[in-house]
Structure formats: C-alpha cells, structure tokens
C-alpha cells in the first residue's frame, strides 16, 4: 500500500508524461525557443548554474571520464 501511495505522488501515466515531449516535437511555438527546456508544455527558466560555461565544462569532462573517452 505504501508503494502505491508513493507511486501516486511521484509518477504520472505515460500519456501525461509524454505530452510535453510531443508538444515540443509538433508545436511551432516550441520551435521558437532554444537553449532551454519545457515543463508542462511551457518554457521553463534555466537556473544560473545551468548557463555557467565552467560548470558545463566540468560536467562534460566528468562525463568523458565516466564513459572512458578521456
């Protein structure tokens, strides 16, 4: 029963979860936005660290190490 309550709180059906992806794929309005992401079919504001080039570089380097590309 506890698992069902947790799933109800945090998980959504596939059809609802896919709506934003489908919206971004077919919407002319979504095509006007770049360098960002969407939440509930609306553009979301990037937090400052998401625009930080130094943070992006560290993430890239860590990803290279994790997949043995470095």
PDB file of N, CA and C in Angstrom:
ATOM      1  N   UNK A   1       0.821  -1.192   0.000  1.00  0.00           N
ATOM      2  CA  UNK A   1       0.000   0.000   0.000  1.00  0.00           C
ATOM      3  C   UNK A   1       0.870   1.261   0.000  1.00  0.00           C
ATOM      4  N   UNK A   2       1.951   1.241   0.759  1.00  0.00           N
ATOM      5  CA  UNK A   2       2.855   2.395   0.806  1.00  0.00           C
ATOM      6  C   UNK A   2       3.445   2.674  -0.571  1.00  0.00           C
ATOM      7  N   UNK A   3       3.828   1.636  -1.293  1.00  0.00           N
ATOM      8  CA  UNK A   3       4.394   1.792  -2.631  1.00  0.00           C
ATOM      9  C   UNK A   3       3.371   2.441  -3.559  1.00  0.00           C
ATOM     10  N   UNK A   4       2.112   2.047  -3.458  1.00  0.00           N
ATOM     11  CA  UNK A   4       1.073   2.633  -4.293  1.00  0.00           C
ATOM     12  C   UNK A   4       0.903   4.123  -4.005  1.00  0.00           C
ATOM     13  N   UNK A   5       0.972   4.503  -2.755  1.00  0.00           N
ATOM     14  CA  UNK A   5       0.855   5.920  -2.381  1.00  0.00           C
ATOM     15  C   UNK A   5       2.035   6.706  -2.933  1.00  0.00           C
ATOM     16  N   UNK A   6       3.221   6.171  -2.803  1.00  0.00           N
ATOM     17  CA  UNK A   6       4.414   6.848  -3.323  1.00  0.00           C
ATOM     18  C   UNK A   6       4.336   6.963  -4.837  1.00  0.00           C
ATOM     19  N   UNK A   7       3.924   5.905  -5.511  1.00  0.00           N
ATOM     20  CA  UNK A   7       3.808   5.963  -6.967  1.00  0.00           C
ATOM     21  C   UNK A   7       2.761   6.986  -7.379  1.00  0.00           C
ATOM     22  N   UNK A   8       1.647   7.078  -6.662  1.00  0.00           N
ATOM     23  CA  UNK A   8       0.603   8.049  -6.976  1.00  0.00           C
ATOM     24  C   UNK A   8       1.140   9.478  -6.823  1.00  0.00           C
ATOM     25  N   UNK A   9       2.009   9.702  -5.835  1.00  0.00           N
ATOM     26  CA  UNK A   9       2.538  11.036  -5.567  1.00  0.00           C
ATOM     27  C   UNK A   9       3.593  11.464  -6.585  1.00  0.00           C
ATOM     28  N   UNK A  10       4.406  10.538  -7.080  1.00  0.00           N
ATOM     29  CA  UNK A  10       5.571  10.914  -7.872  1.00  0.00           C
ATOM     30  C   UNK A  10       5.545  10.482  -9.328  1.00  0.00           C
ATOM     31  N   UNK A  11       4.686   9.586  -9.700  1.00  0.00           N
ATOM     32  CA  UNK A  11       4.673   9.082 -11.063  1.00  0.00           C
ATOM     33  C   UNK A  11       3.394   9.490 -11.775  1.00  0.00           C
ATOM     34  N   UNK A  12       3.505   9.700 -13.063  1.00  0.00           N
ATOM     35  CA  UNK A  12       2.340  10.039 -13.874  1.00  0.00           C
ATOM     36  C   UNK A  12       2.193   8.980 -14.968  1.00  0.00           C
ATOM     37  N   UNK A  13       0.995   8.814 -15.492  1.00  0.00           N
ATOM     38  CA  UNK A  13       0.818   7.857 -16.595  1.00  0.00           C
ATOM     39  C   UNK A  13       1.646   8.264 -17.805  1.00  0.00           C
ATOM     40  N   UNK A  14       2.018   7.305 -18.614  1.00  0.00           N
ATOM     41  CA  UNK A  14       2.856   7.551 -19.794  1.00  0.00           C
ATOM     42  C   UNK A  14       2.255   8.611 -20.710  1.00  0.00           C
ATOM     43  N   UNK A  15       0.943   8.561 -20.886  1.00  0.00           N
ATOM     44  CA  UNK A  15       0.291   9.504 -21.789  1.00  0.00           C
ATOM     45  C   UNK A  15       0.480  10.946 -21.318  1.00  0.00           C
ATOM     46  N   UNK A  16       0.385  11.168 -20.030  1.00  0.00           N
ATOM     47  CA  UNK A  16       0.553  12.515 -19.483  1.00  0.00           C
ATOM     48  C   UNK A  16       2.026  12.902 -19.499  1.00  0.00           C
ATOM     49  N   UNK A  17       2.895  11.970 -19.161  1.00  0.00           N
ATOM     50  CA  UNK A  17       4.325  12.249 -19.150  1.00  0.00           C
ATOM     51  C   UNK A  17       4.879  12.582 -20.528  1.00  0.00           C
ATOM     52  N   UNK A  18       4.273  12.041 -21.560  1.00  0.00           N
ATOM     53  CA  UNK A  18       4.751  12.260 -22.924  1.00  0.00           C
ATOM     54  C   UNK A  18       4.219  13.546 -23.547  1.00  0.00           C
ATOM     55  N   UNK A  19       3.251  14.187 -22.938  1.00  0.00           N
ATOM     56  CA  UNK A  19       2.622  15.350 -23.554  1.00  0.00           C
ATOM     57  C   UNK A  19       3.610  16.466 -23.874  1.00  0.00           C
ATOM     58  N   UNK A  20       4.522  16.774 -22.969  1.00  0.00           N
ATOM     59  CA  UNK A  20       5.473  17.860 -23.215  1.00  0.00           C
ATOM     60  C   UNK A  20       6.422  17.512 -24.355  1.00  0.00           C
ATOM     61  N   UNK A  21       6.869  16.270 -24.410  1.00  0.00           N
ATOM     62  CA  UNK A  21       7.767  15.849 -25.494  1.00  0.00           C
ATOM     63  C   UNK A  21       7.051  15.957 -26.837  1.00  0.00           C
ATOM     64  N   UNK A  22       5.817  15.512 -26.885  1.00  0.00           N
ATOM     65  CA  UNK A  22       5.041  15.588 -28.124  1.00  0.00           C
ATOM     66  C   UNK A  22       4.798  17.046 -28.496  1.00  0.00           C
ATOM     67  N   UNK A  23       4.462  17.865 -27.517  1.00  0.00           N
ATOM     68  CA  UNK A  23       4.246  19.296 -27.769  1.00  0.00           C
ATOM     69  C   UNK A  23       5.491  19.924 -28.398  1.00  0.00           C
ATOM     70  N   UNK A  24       6.645  19.630 -27.833  1.00  0.00           N
ATOM     71  CA  UNK A  24       7.891  20.199 -28.359  1.00  0.00           C
ATOM     72  C   UNK A  24       8.190  19.704 -29.769  1.00  0.00           C
ATOM     73  N   UNK A  25       7.779  18.486 -30.078  1.00  0.00           N
ATOM     74  CA  UNK A  25       8.054  17.916 -31.396  1.00  0.00           C
ATOM     75  C   UNK A  25       7.160  18.498 -32.483  1.00  0.00           C
ATOM     76  N   UNK A  26       5.940  18.891 -32.150  1.00  0.00           N
ATOM     77  CA  UNK A  26       4.993  19.297 -33.189  1.00  0.00           C
ATOM     78  C   UNK A  26       4.577  20.756 -33.133  1.00  0.00           C
ATOM     79  N   UNK A  27       4.922  21.472 -32.081  1.00  0.00           N
ATOM     80  CA  UNK A  27       4.452  22.839 -31.913  1.00  0.00           C
ATOM     81  C   UNK A  27       5.361  23.863 -32.586  1.00  0.00           C
ATOM     82  N   UNK A  28       4.760  24.742 -33.365  1.00  0.00           N
ATOM     83  CA  UNK A  28       5.525  25.852 -33.943  1.00  0.00           C
ATOM     84  C   UNK A  28       5.985  26.805 -32.854  1.00  0.00           C
ATOM     85  N   UNK A  29       5.189  26.974 -31.817  1.00  0.00           N
ATOM     86  CA  UNK A  29       5.538  27.861 -30.708  1.00  0.00           C
ATOM     87  C   UNK A  29       6.775  27.343 -29.975  1.00  0.00           C
ATOM     88  N   UNK A  30       6.862  26.048 -29.758  1.00  0.00           N
ATOM     89  CA  UNK A  30       8.014  25.462 -29.063  1.00  0.00           C
ATOM     90  C   UNK A  30       9.287  25.626 -29.877  1.00  0.00           C
ATOM     91  N   UNK A  31       9.161  25.623 -31.195  1.00  0.00           N
ATOM     92  CA  UNK A  31      10.332  25.757 -32.063  1.00  0.00           C
ATOM     93  C   UNK A  31      10.986  27.127 -31.935  1.00  0.00           C
ATOM     94  N   UNK A  32      10.273  28.105 -31.408  1.00  0.00           N
ATOM     95  CA  UNK A  32      10.819  29.459 -31.251  1.00  0.00           C
ATOM     96  C   UNK A  32      11.786  29.559 -30.067  1.00  0.00           C
ATOM     97  N   UNK A  33      11.792  28.561 -29.209  1.00  0.00           N
ATOM     98  CA  UNK A  33      12.633  28.584 -28.011  1.00  0.00           C
ATOM     99  C   UNK A  33      13.849  27.685 -28.210  1.00  0.00           C
ATOM    100  N   UNK A  34      14.995  28.156 -27.768  1.00  0.00           N
ATOM    101  CA  UNK A  34      16.188  27.320 -27.814  1.00  0.00           C
ATOM    102  C   UNK A  34      16.975  27.541 -26.527  1.00  0.00           C
ATOM    103  N   UNK A  35      17.904  26.642 -26.280  1.00  0.00           N
ATOM    104  CA  UNK A  35      18.747  26.713 -25.083  1.00  0.00           C
ATOM    105  C   UNK A  35      17.936  26.695 -23.796  1.00  0.00           C
ATOM    106  N   UNK A  36      16.967  25.863 -23.746  1.00  0.00           N
ATOM    107  CA  UNK A  36      16.145  25.774 -22.553  1.00  0.00           C
ATOM    108  C   UNK A  36      15.442  24.438 -22.499  1.00  0.00           C
ATOM    109  N   UNK A  37      14.427  24.389 -21.678  1.00  0.00           N
ATOM    110  CA  UNK A  37      13.644  23.176 -21.578  1.00  0.00           C
ATOM    111  C   UNK A  37      12.207  23.540 -21.268  1.00  0.00           C
ATOM    112  N   UNK A  38      11.334  22.568 -21.389  1.00  0.00           N
ATOM    113  CA  UNK A  38       9.913  22.774 -21.173  1.00  0.00           C
ATOM    114  C   UNK A  38       9.440  21.936 -20.003  1.00  0.00           C
ATOM    115  N   UNK A  39       8.484  22.475 -19.267  1.00  0.00           N
ATOM    116  CA  UNK A  39       7.815  21.761 -18.189  1.00  0.00           C
ATOM    117  C   UNK A  39       6.324  21.980 -18.391  1.00  0.00           C
ATOM    118  N   UNK A  40       5.566  20.922 -18.421  1.00  0.00           N
ATOM    119  CA  UNK A  40       4.117  21.016 -18.631  1.00  0.00           C
ATOM    120  C   UNK A  40       3.771  21.856 -19.856  1.00  0.00           C
ATOM    121  N   UNK A  41       4.465  21.603 -20.943  1.00  0.00           N
ATOM    122  CA  UNK A  41       4.224  22.260 -22.239  1.00  0.00           C
ATOM    123  C   UNK A  41       4.481  23.763 -22.214  1.00  0.00           C
ATOM    124  N   UNK A  42       5.275  24.230 -21.276  1.00  0.00           N
ATOM    125  CA  UNK A  42       5.631  25.651 -21.199  1.00  0.00           C
ATOM    126  C   UNK A  42       7.140  25.780 -21.032  1.00  0.00           C
ATOM    127  N   UNK A  43       7.723  26.848 -21.617  1.00  0.00           N
ATOM    128  CA  UNK A  43       9.166  27.043 -21.413  1.00  0.00           C
ATOM    129  C   UNK A  43       9.462  27.283 -19.933  1.00  0.00           C
ATOM    130  N   UNK A  44      10.533  26.700 -19.463  1.00  0.00           N
ATOM    131  CA  UNK A  44      10.945  26.880 -18.067  1.00  0.00           C
ATOM    132  C   UNK A  44      12.192  27.754 -18.026  1.00  0.00           C
ATOM    133  N   UNK A  45      12.383  28.424 -16.932  1.00  0.00           N
ATOM    134  CA  UNK A  45      13.533  29.312 -16.764  1.00  0.00           C
ATOM    135  C   UNK A  45      14.732  28.501 -16.287  1.00  0.00           C
ATOM    136  N   UNK A  46      15.851  28.678 -16.979  1.00  0.00           N
ATOM    137  CA  UNK A  46      17.083  28.000 -16.563  1.00  0.00           C
ATOM    138  C   UNK A  46      17.644  28.681 -15.322  1.00  0.00           C
ATOM    139  N   UNK A  47      18.134  27.903 -14.413  1.00  0.00           N
ATOM    140  CA  UNK A  47      18.796  28.456 -13.234  1.00  0.00           C
ATOM    141  C   UNK A  47      20.188  28.926 -13.633  1.00  0.00           C
ATOM    142  N   UNK A  48      20.758  29.838 -12.883  1.00  0.00           N
ATOM    143  CA  UNK A  48      22.060  30.407 -13.263  1.00  0.00           C
ATOM    144  C   UNK A  48      23.158  29.366 -13.497  1.00  0.00           C
ATOM    145  N   UNK A  49      23.230  28.325 -12.677  1.00  0.00           N
ATOM    146  CA  UNK A  49      24.293  27.332 -12.866  1.00  0.00           C
ATOM    147  C   UNK A  49      24.130  26.577 -14.182  1.00  0.00           C
ATOM    148  N   UNK A  50      22.917  26.533 -14.720  1.00  0.00           N
ATOM    149  CA  UNK A  50      22.694  25.836 -15.984  1.00  0.00           C
ATOM    150  C   UNK A  50      23.237  26.630 -17.169  1.00  0.00           C
ATOM    151  N   UNK A  51      23.505  27.909 -16.955  1.00  0.00           N
ATOM    152  CA  UNK A  51      24.068  28.759 -18.014  1.00  0.00           C
ATOM    153  C   UNK A  51      25.559  29.009 -17.821  1.00  0.00           C
ATOM    154  N   UNK A  52      26.144  28.426 -16.787  1.00  0.00           N
ATOM    155  CA  UNK A  52      27.541  28.659 -16.436  1.00  0.00           C
ATOM    156  C   UNK A  52      28.460  27.773 -17.289  1.00  0.00           C
ATOM    157  N   UNK A  53      29.303  28.402 -18.113  1.00  0.00           N
ATOM    158  CA  UNK A  53      30.199  27.659 -19.012  1.00  0.00           C
ATOM    159  C   UNK A  53      31.197  26.793 -18.242  1.00  0.00           C
ATOM    160  N   UNK A  54      31.661  27.266 -17.087  1.00  0.00           N
ATOM    161  CA  UNK A  54      32.622  26.489 -16.300  1.00  0.00           C
ATOM    162  C   UNK A  54      31.970  25.219 -15.763  1.00  0.00           C
ATOM    163  N   UNK A  55      30.744  25.320 -15.321  1.00  0.00           N
ATOM    164  CA  UNK A  55      30.017  24.151 -14.833  1.00  0.00           C
ATOM    165  C   UNK A  55      29.789  23.169 -15.984  1.00  0.00           C
ATOM    166  N   UNK A  56      29.428  23.689 -17.150  1.00  0.00           N
ATOM    167  CA  UNK A  56      29.214  22.832 -18.323  1.00  0.00           C
ATOM    168  C   UNK A  56      30.494  22.083 -18.682  1.00  0.00           C
ATOM    169  N   UNK A  57      31.621  22.770 -18.611  1.00  0.00           N
ATOM    170  CA  UNK A  57      32.897  22.126 -18.938  1.00  0.00           C
ATOM    171  C   UNK A  57      33.214  21.006 -17.944  1.00  0.00           C
ATOM    172  N   UNK A  58      32.992  21.262 -16.646  1.00  0.00           N
ATOM    173  CA  UNK A  58      33.241  20.234 -15.640  1.00  0.00           C
ATOM    174  C   UNK A  58      32.330  19.026 -15.859  1.00  0.00           C
ATOM    175  N   UNK A  59      31.080  19.275 -16.191  1.00  0.00           N
ATOM    176  CA  UNK A  59      30.155  18.183 -16.450  1.00  0.00           C
ATOM    177  C   UNK A  59      30.602  17.371 -17.662  1.00  0.00           C
ATOM    178  N   UNK A  60      31.010  18.062 -18.703  1.00  0.00           N
ATOM    179  CA  UNK A  60      31.482  17.369 -19.909  1.00  0.00           C
ATOM    180  C   UNK A  60      32.687  16.489 -19.593  1.00  0.00           C
ATOM    181  N   UNK A  61      33.651  17.047 -18.861  1.00  0.00           N
ATOM    182  CA  UNK A  61      34.859  16.288 -18.518  1.00  0.00           C
ATOM    183  C   UNK A  61      34.529  15.081 -17.635  1.00  0.00           C
ATOM    184  N   UNK A  62      33.618  15.267 -16.673  1.00  0.00           N
ATOM    185  CA  UNK A  62      33.223  14.150 -15.821  1.00  0.00           C
ATOM    186  C   UNK A  62      32.532  13.074 -16.640  1.00  0.00           C
ATOM    187  N   UNK A  63      31.696  13.485 -17.592  1.00  0.00           N
ATOM    188  CA  UNK A  63      31.011  12.528 -18.448  1.00  0.00           C
ATOM    189  C   UNK A  63      31.999  11.752 -19.301  1.00  0.00           C
ATOM    190  N   UNK A  64      33.014  12.439 -19.833  1.00  0.00           N
ATOM    191  CA  UNK A  64      34.055  11.756 -20.620  1.00  0.00           C
ATOM    192  C   UNK A  64      34.763  10.692 -19.781  1.00  0.00           C
ATOM    193  N   UNK A  65      35.093  11.041 -18.534  1.00  0.00           N
ATOM    194  CA  UNK A  65      35.765  10.079 -17.656  1.00  0.00           C
ATOM    195  C   UNK A  65      34.865   8.869 -17.392  1.00  0.00           C
ATOM    196  N   UNK A  66      33.585   9.122 -17.152  1.00  0.00           N
ATOM    197  CA  UNK A  66      32.672   8.034 -16.807  1.00  0.00           C
ATOM    198  C   UNK A  66      32.458   7.052 -17.954  1.00  0.00           C
ATOM    199  N   UNK A  67      32.571   7.523 -19.178  1.00  0.00           N
ATOM    200  CA  UNK A  67      32.382   6.621 -20.317  1.00  0.00           C
ATOM    201  C   UNK A  67      33.718   6.262 -20.980  1.00  0.00           C
ATOM    202  N   UNK A  68      34.801   6.562 -20.282  1.00  0.00           N
ATOM    203  CA  UNK A  68      36.147   6.227 -20.741  1.00  0.00           C
ATOM    204  C   UNK A  68      36.516   6.851 -22.089  1.00  0.00           C
ATOM    205  N   UNK A  69      36.148   8.100 -22.284  1.00  0.00           N
ATOM    206  CA  UNK A  69      36.535   8.809 -23.518  1.00  0.00           C
ATOM    207  C   UNK A  69      37.716   9.749 -23.275  1.00  0.00           C
ATOM    208  N   UNK A  70      38.011  10.035 -22.045  1.00  0.00           N
ATOM    209  CA  UNK A  70      39.093  10.981 -21.735  1.00  0.00           C
ATOM    210  C   UNK A  70      40.448  10.328 -21.888  1.00  0.00           C
TER     211      UNK A  70
END
